[in-house]
C-alpha atoms as a PDB file:
ATOM      1  CA  UNK A   1     -43.838 -16.961 -43.858  1.00  0.00           C
ATOM      2  CA  UNK A   2     -45.915 -17.147 -40.839  1.00  0.00           C
ATOM      3  CA  UNK A   3     -45.993 -20.931 -40.784  1.00  0.00           C
ATOM      4  CA  UNK A   4     -42.091 -21.142 -41.080  1.00  0.00           C
ATOM      5  CA  UNK A   5     -41.671 -18.454 -37.745  1.00  0.00           C
ATOM      6  CA  UNK A   6     -44.305 -20.724 -35.915  1.00  0.00           C
ATOM      7  CA  UNK A   7     -42.449 -24.123 -37.274  1.00  0.00           C
ATOM      8  CA  UNK A   8     -38.964 -22.951 -36.380  1.00  0.00           C
ATOM      9  CA  UNK A   9     -40.425 -22.028 -32.460  1.00  0.00           C
ATOM     10  CA  UNK A  10     -41.591 -25.017 -32.352  1.00  0.00           C
ATOM     11  CA  UNK A  11     -38.540 -26.840 -33.091  1.00  0.00           C
ATOM     12  CA  UNK A  12     -36.909 -24.185 -31.126  1.00  0.00           C
ATOM     13  CA  UNK A  13     -38.453 -25.244 -27.754  1.00  0.00           C
ATOM     14  CA  UNK A  14     -38.346 -28.907 -28.732  1.00  0.00           C
ATOM     15  CA  UNK A  15     -34.345 -28.210 -28.623  1.00  0.00           C
ATOM     16  CA  UNK A  16     -34.754 -26.479 -25.504  1.00  0.00           C
ATOM     17  CA  UNK A  17     -37.404 -29.316 -23.707  1.00  0.00           C
ATOM     18  CA  UNK A  18     -35.773 -32.101 -25.370  1.00  0.00           C
ATOM     19  CA  UNK A  19     -34.194 -33.437 -22.027  1.00  0.00           C
ATOM     20  CA  UNK A  20     -37.089 -32.900 -20.102  1.00  0.00           C
ATOM     21  CA  UNK A  21     -38.536 -35.070 -22.945  1.00  0.00           C
ATOM     22  CA  UNK A  22     -36.522 -37.671 -22.285  1.00  0.00           C
ATOM     23  CA  UNK A  23     -36.609 -37.716 -18.623  1.00  0.00           C
ATOM     24  CA  UNK A  24     -40.101 -38.057 -18.272  1.00  0.00           C
ATOM     25  CA  UNK A  25     -40.069 -40.973 -21.092  1.00  0.00           C
ATOM     26  CA  UNK A  26     -37.846 -42.243 -19.253  1.00  0.00           C
ATOM     27  CA  UNK A  27     -39.895 -42.137 -15.616  1.00  0.00           C
ATOM     28  CA  UNK A  28     -43.078 -43.579 -17.761  1.00  0.00           C
ATOM     29  CA  UNK A  29     -40.944 -46.307 -19.021  1.00  0.00           C
ATOM     30  CA  UNK A  30     -39.398 -47.183 -16.013  1.00  0.00           C
ATOM     31  CA  UNK A  31     -43.017 -46.835 -13.907  1.00  0.00           C
ATOM     32  CA  UNK A  32     -44.952 -49.239 -17.192  1.00  0.00           C
ATOM     33  CA  UNK A  33     -42.128 -52.133 -16.552  1.00  0.00           C
ATOM     34  CA  UNK A  34     -42.109 -51.546 -12.808  1.00  0.00           C
ATOM     35  CA  UNK A  35     -45.988 -52.065 -13.067  1.00  0.00           C
ATOM     36  CA  UNK A  36     -45.317 -54.949 -15.994  1.00  0.00           C
ATOM     37  CA  UNK A  37     -43.009 -56.846 -13.827  1.00  0.00           C
ATOM     38  CA  UNK A  38     -45.603 -56.966 -10.599  1.00  0.00           C
ATOM     39  CA  UNK A  39     -48.552 -58.120 -12.469  1.00  0.00           C
ATOM     40  CA  UNK A  40     -46.076 -60.414 -13.769  1.00  0.00           C
ATOM     41  CA  UNK A  41     -45.577 -60.911 -10.378  1.00  0.00           C
ATOM     42  CA  UNK A  42     -48.958 -61.265  -9.220  1.00  0.00           C
ATOM     43  CA  UNK A  43     -50.094 -63.501 -11.938  1.00  0.00           C
ATOM     44  CA  UNK A  44     -47.141 -65.943 -11.719  1.00  0.00           C
ATOM     45  CA  UNK A  45     -48.553 -66.165  -7.595  1.00  0.00           C
ATOM     46  CA  UNK A  46     -52.188 -66.620  -8.664  1.00  0.00           C
ATOM     47  CA  UNK A  47     -50.673 -69.685 -11.088  1.00  0.00           C
ATOM     48  CA  UNK A  48     -48.909 -71.591  -8.883  1.00  0.00           C
ATOM     49  CA  UNK A  49     -51.640 -71.643  -5.950  1.00  0.00           C
ATOM     50  CA  UNK A  50     -54.379 -72.598  -7.920  1.00  0.00           C
ATOM     51  CA  UNK A  51     -51.980 -75.282  -9.106  1.00  0.00           C
ATOM     52  CA  UNK A  52     -50.993 -76.617  -5.464  1.00  0.00           C
ATOM     53  CA  UNK A  53     -55.209 -76.452  -5.406  1.00  0.00           C
ATOM     54  CA  UNK A  54     -55.506 -78.429  -7.890  1.00  0.00           C
ATOM     55  CA  UNK A  55     -52.836 -81.105  -6.938  1.00  0.00           C
ATOM     56  CA  UNK A  56     -53.754 -81.496  -2.589  1.00  0.00           C
ATOM     57  CA  UNK A  57     -57.812 -82.049  -4.399  1.00  0.00           C
ATOM     58  CA  UNK A  58     -56.170 -84.675  -6.015  1.00  0.00           C
ATOM     59  CA  UNK A  59     -54.064 -86.508  -3.485  1.00  0.00           C
ATOM     60  CA  UNK A  60     -55.881 -89.526  -1.983  1.00  0.00           C
ATOM     61  CA  UNK A  61     -58.159 -89.175   1.343  1.00  0.00           C
ATOM     62  CA  UNK A  62     -56.252 -90.324   4.772  1.00  0.00           C
ATOM     63  CA  UNK A  63     -52.778 -89.724   3.214  1.00  0.00           C
ATOM     64  CA  UNK A  64     -50.962 -86.570   4.162  1.00  0.00           C
ATOM     65  CA  UNK A  65     -49.040 -84.174   2.055  1.00  0.00           C
ATOM     66  CA  UNK A  66     -45.358 -85.902   2.632  1.00  0.00           C
ATOM     67  CA  UNK A  67     -47.414 -88.980   1.567  1.00  0.00           C
ATOM     68  CA  UNK A  68     -47.386 -90.322   4.864  1.00  0.00           C
ATOM     69  CA  UNK A  69     -51.018 -92.367   6.109  1.00  0.00           C
ATOM     70  CA  UNK A  70     -53.273 -90.031   8.518  1.00  0.00           C
ATOM     71  CA  UNK A  71     -53.704 -92.366  11.694  1.00  0.00           C
ATOM     72  CA  UNK A  72     -56.211 -89.796  12.938  1.00  0.00           C
ATOM     73  CA  UNK A  73     -58.730 -90.651   9.826  1.00  0.00           C
ATOM     74  CA  UNK A  74     -58.202 -94.385   9.213  1.00  0.00           C
ATOM     75  CA  UNK A  75     -61.709 -95.040  10.968  1.00  0.00           C
ATOM     76  CA  UNK A  76     -63.780 -93.220   8.733  1.00  0.00           C
ATOM     77  CA  UNK A  77     -62.582 -94.771   5.612  1.00  0.00           C
ATOM     78  CA  UNK A  78     -63.604 -98.745   7.293  1.00  0.00           C
ATOM     79  CA  UNK A  79     -65.311-101.219   5.345  1.00  0.00           C
ATOM     80  CA  UNK A  80     -67.919-101.877   7.294  1.00  0.00           C
ATOM     81  CA  UNK A  81     -70.286-103.737   6.188  1.00  0.00           C
ATOM     82  CA  UNK A  82     -72.767-104.826   9.234  1.00  0.00           C
ATOM     83  CA  UNK A  83     -74.926-102.372   7.738  1.00  0.00           C
ATOM     84  CA  UNK A  84     -78.671-103.070   8.072  1.00  0.00           C
ATOM     85  CA  UNK A  85     -80.258-103.198   4.985  1.00  0.00           C
ATOM     86  CA  UNK A  86     -82.391-100.857   3.733  1.00  0.00           C
ATOM     87  CA  UNK A  87     -85.729-101.697   2.127  1.00  0.00           C
ATOM     88  CA  UNK A  88     -87.489 -98.148   0.980  1.00  0.00           C
ATOM     89  CA  UNK A  89     -90.419-100.416   0.538  1.00  0.00           C
ATOM     90  CA  UNK A  90     -90.782-101.303   4.503  1.00  0.00           C
ATOM     91  CA  UNK A  91     -89.881 -97.340   5.138  1.00  0.00           C
ATOM     92  CA  UNK A  92     -92.619 -96.321   2.485  1.00  0.00           C
ATOM     93  CA  UNK A  93     -95.490 -98.311   4.583  1.00  0.00           C
ATOM     94  CA  UNK A  94     -94.750 -97.097   7.930  1.00  0.00           C
ATOM     95  CA  UNK A  95     -95.220 -93.197   6.404  1.00  0.00           C
ATOM     96  CA  UNK A  96     -99.004 -94.798   5.198  1.00  0.00           C
ATOM     97  CA  UNK A  97     -99.608 -95.833   8.325  1.00  0.00           C
END
Protein backbone atom coordinates (compact mmCIF):
# COMPACT_ATOMS: atom_id res chain seq x y z
CA UNK A 1 0.00 0.00 0.00
CA UNK A 2 2.93 2.34 0.77
CA UNK A 3 4.39 1.89 -2.72
CA UNK A 4 1.08 2.76 -4.36
CA UNK A 5 0.79 5.86 -2.18
CA UNK A 6 4.33 6.95 -3.12
CA UNK A 7 3.61 6.46 -6.83
CA UNK A 8 0.43 8.52 -6.51
CA UNK A 9 2.37 11.28 -4.72
CA UNK A 10 5.03 11.34 -7.44
CA UNK A 11 2.37 11.40 -10.15
CA UNK A 12 0.53 14.25 -8.41
CA UNK A 13 3.78 16.21 -7.98
CA UNK A 14 4.68 15.60 -11.62
CA UNK A 15 1.27 16.89 -12.68
CA UNK A 16 1.68 20.03 -10.60
CA UNK A 17 5.19 20.77 -11.84
CA UNK A 18 4.65 19.64 -15.43
CA UNK A 19 4.61 23.20 -16.77
CA UNK A 20 7.91 24.00 -15.04
CA UNK A 21 9.50 20.89 -16.48
CA UNK A 22 8.24 21.70 -19.97
CA UNK A 23 9.54 25.28 -19.71
CA UNK A 24 12.92 24.01 -18.50
CA UNK A 25 13.06 21.49 -21.34
CA UNK A 26 12.19 24.25 -23.82
CA UNK A 27 15.02 26.41 -22.47
CA UNK A 28 17.47 23.50 -22.62
CA UNK A 29 16.52 22.68 -26.21
CA UNK A 30 16.62 26.34 -27.28
CA UNK A 31 20.05 26.75 -25.66
CA UNK A 32 21.34 23.61 -27.30
CA UNK A 33 20.06 24.66 -30.73
CA UNK A 34 21.61 28.12 -30.33
CA UNK A 35 24.99 26.65 -29.41
CA UNK A 36 24.72 24.12 -32.25
CA UNK A 37 23.96 26.91 -34.73
CA UNK A 38 26.94 28.95 -33.49
CA UNK A 39 29.19 25.90 -33.81
CA UNK A 40 27.97 25.27 -37.36
CA UNK A 41 28.60 28.91 -38.26
CA UNK A 42 32.14 28.79 -36.82
CA UNK A 43 32.87 25.53 -38.64
CA UNK A 44 31.53 26.92 -41.92
CA UNK A 45 33.66 30.03 -41.53
CA UNK A 46 36.76 27.96 -40.75
CA UNK A 47 36.17 25.73 -43.80
CA UNK A 48 35.64 28.76 -46.06
CA UNK A 49 38.82 30.43 -44.76
CA UNK A 50 40.82 27.23 -45.24
CA UNK A 51 39.62 26.87 -48.83
CA UNK A 52 40.47 30.51 -49.56
CA UNK A 53 43.97 30.05 -48.11
CA UNK A 54 44.56 27.01 -50.30
CA UNK A 55 43.27 28.78 -53.39
CA UNK A 56 45.48 31.79 -52.69
CA UNK A 57 48.45 29.44 -52.34
CA UNK A 58 47.75 27.99 -55.79
CA UNK A 59 47.80 31.35 -57.57
CA UNK A 60 50.81 31.85 -59.82
CA UNK A 61 53.36 34.22 -58.36
CA UNK A 62 53.40 37.69 -59.77
CA UNK A 63 49.63 37.76 -60.23
CA UNK A 64 47.31 39.77 -58.06
CA UNK A 65 44.05 38.25 -56.77
CA UNK A 66 42.20 40.02 -59.61
CA UNK A 67 44.39 38.21 -62.19
CA UNK A 68 46.42 41.29 -63.18
CA UNK A 69 50.21 41.14 -63.39
CA UNK A 70 52.00 42.62 -60.39
CA UNK A 71 54.49 45.00 -62.02
CA UNK A 72 56.37 45.49 -58.74
CA UNK A 73 57.47 41.84 -58.75
CA UNK A 74 58.42 41.52 -62.42
CA UNK A 75 62.21 41.72 -61.86
CA UNK A 76 62.10 39.03 -59.18
CA UNK A 77 61.26 36.42 -61.79
CA UNK A 78 63.56 37.38 -64.64
CA UNK A 79 65.35 34.64 -66.54
CA UNK A 80 68.81 36.16 -66.45
CA UNK A 81 71.30 33.47 -67.52
CA UNK A 82 74.33 35.75 -67.35
CA UNK A 83 75.32 34.48 -63.88
CA UNK A 84 78.81 33.04 -63.65
CA UNK A 85 79.25 29.30 -63.80
CA UNK A 86 79.86 27.80 -60.36
CA UNK A 87 82.34 24.96 -60.14
CA UNK A 88 82.30 22.99 -56.88
CA UNK A 89 85.81 21.64 -57.39
CA UNK A 90 87.26 25.13 -57.63
CA UNK A 91 85.46 26.09 -54.42
CA UNK A 92 86.81 23.13 -52.45
CA UNK A 93 90.35 23.67 -53.78
CA UNK A 94 90.27 27.27 -52.59
CA UNK A 95 89.15 26.19 -49.11
CA UNK A 96 92.02 23.70 -48.78
CA UNK A 97 94.56 26.45 -49.34
